[in-house]
Amino acid sequence: MGIETNQELPAGTPLYKHVKFVLLEAIQGGEWRPGDAIPSEKRLSERLSVSIGTLRKAVDELTEERILIRQQGRGTFVALSGARDFSHAFRRLMPTQQDASPASSHNVSVKALHKTRARQDEAEDLKLQPDAEVYRIRLQHLLKDQPVAFEQVIVPAHRFPDLDEDLVHRFGGNLYQLYQDTYATTVLKVQDEVGSEPVDEGLAPLLGCDHNQPIVYVKRVAWSYQDDPVECRHSWIDPRKARYVVTSTD
C-alpha cells in the first residue's frame, strides 16, 4: 500500500496522520467493508513500512472517531452504522401509546424515487456543485398500518450509482442498511434540526391529517467518513400518532 494518499496534507503533518488517511482511503475504497476485521498491527505496519507505534496512533484516532472498533481478544473492525437495528438508526418513530410495540408495527412504503438536479440549499448541505444530480426518495412511515410520517431523502447520484426503487424496496426502506451493504457507505453521525409547521395540502393525505394541522418537521444531514455528507433528509411527523426519539452514540 505504501504511504501514499489522495488527501492533501500540510507540510509537517505527523506520519501517523498520513497512515490514518491511507487506512481511511482503503476503507472508503471497499478493501475492508463495514464489519470486516482489518489486518493485524504487525501486518499493517510491515505493509506500510512504519513502526507499530505509528500505526497504533493512527488506529487509535480512527477508533476515537468510531470509524474502527476494537474488540478485546478478537481484533479491530470497520464500524457498522450508528445503530445495530438499521430500521431506526440514530432515531426511531414511537407510537404515542405507552403500551404499544413499535418494533413489530413500523413499516415503510416507498412512494417514489427519481433522479433530478439539486437545489441550491441541497447542494450546499451535500457539498455538491450547483445543479449536480441527486436522487430523491419519498418514504411513507406507518405504525400499525396508519400513516404517521412522510420523508423526502436527497442523496448524491455519484455516490449511489444505479440506485432504483426496487433496491430501496428490497431493503424495506432502511436506507442506512442499503448504503452500507450495497455501497460500503457507513453513516457515522447526523445532525437533526427539529421544529414545527402546519401541514400543507399535498402532505395532509400522506399523513392522514387535516390541512394546516401542526406537525413536527425534522431536517437531517448525515455524514460518513471524513465528514463527507451522505444524505439530506426532510421528515414530517404527525405528533398525534408518533413521537420522534433520537438515539445518541456519544
Foldseek 3Di string as FASTA:
>chain_A
DELDAPDDDDPPPDPLVSVLRVVVVCLLVPVAFAPGADDDLVVSCVVHVHDSVSPVVSVVVCVVLVQWPQDPPPHIGGHAAQDPPLVARQKDKAWPDPPDDQVVFKAKDWDDKDKFFDDPVFCVLQVHDHRAIWMWTKMFIDGNNATFKIKIKIFGCVQPPPDDPVLCVVVRVSVQCSCRPPRSWYFRDKDKDKDKFFADPVCCVSRVHDGGDIWMWIWMWTATPPRRTGMIMIMTGHVNTIDMGGDDPD
